[in-house]
Amino acid sequence: MKIWEKGFSVNDKIERFTVGQDRELDMYLAPFDMLASKAQAKMLASIGMISQEEESQLLTGLNELLAQVENGTFQIESDFEDVHSKIEYYLIDKFGDAGKKIHVARSRNDQVLTAIQLFIKDYTEKIGAKILELAELLLQQGEKYKNDLLPGYTHFQAAMPSSFGLWFGAYAEHLLLDMSLLEAAHTVADHNPLGSGAGFGSSFGIDREQTTREMGFANVAVSSVGTQMLRGKTEKTLAFAIAGVAGTLSKLAYDLVLYNSQDLGFVLLPKEFTTGSSIMPHKKNPDVFELVRAHCNR
């Protein structure tokens, strides 16, 4: 089922080319599209566009879908081009005309953008918490080993005396700087696009302030035209922030690989953090940090 269907079929090759990996990637958006649809249903009921009974039906169906996501049974079959058509089909199949009304005053454009904004908000909050946790651990280690000397290198030559406290603190500080980039991405994502339609709003008297509250956005994306310009902007802001985090982690991983080497031996990794060699039994390879560095440099 396709929301845009007008009674004609599309060539299979064209559909595969245009749909691409949407079904797989939309699984990440599924819970957020459902949450946005719940806010949409509540708002439509509050302005009299749907009845209280229809609201109850829609919320019941959306909660059932959310439960499927949580228990791992939710799927987007090949009959559907994306998560949005799967959700709408489920509601229509279960509740008839009430299911069709979920799309009143809503375009696929603002629907998709709302799910993406919610996903990025949630992602930045979760990643941000992990970054702060790592920064705190580094600060604790810096305090613990602040009096342990470490050569300061330039051009891979010992240059001046330094300490592990300074080294740990450097990475903690840079992770906190990376957090400012992540917070910027969160700020851009914290605008509610729902109600902007395809870029020119809606003729219905919708309540965008209500959906903003329901979904936990800090702001309404005011201009309907400007809202559609968020496409790509939020993702680019997030990508830039993640690149900053990756750069810091890459340098940290590189230092640990170098400091763990037999030539330097400044740190000793636990055995369970290393792997062995098929021909050289004395080897303890820091694969985990080599892989961290590799992933961060993609």
Foldseek 3Di string as FASTA:
>chain_A
DDPPDDPDDDDPVVLCVVLPCQQVVQLLLQLQLLLLLLLLLVQCCVVPVDDPVLNVLSNVLSVVQNVCSVVVNDGDDPVDSHNVVVSLVSSCVVPNPSSVCSCVLAAVLLSVLSSVLLSLLVVLVVVLVVLLVQLVVLQVVLVVWVPAWDFDDDPNDRDHIHTSNVVSNVLSVLSVVLNVLSVVLNLLSLERLTQLHPQNGGPDPTDQVSSSVSSVRPYHPPHSNVSSVSVVVSVVSNVVSLLSVLVSLLVVLVVVQVCCDPVRVVDPDPQVQFDADPVDRVDTHNVVSVVSNVVSVD
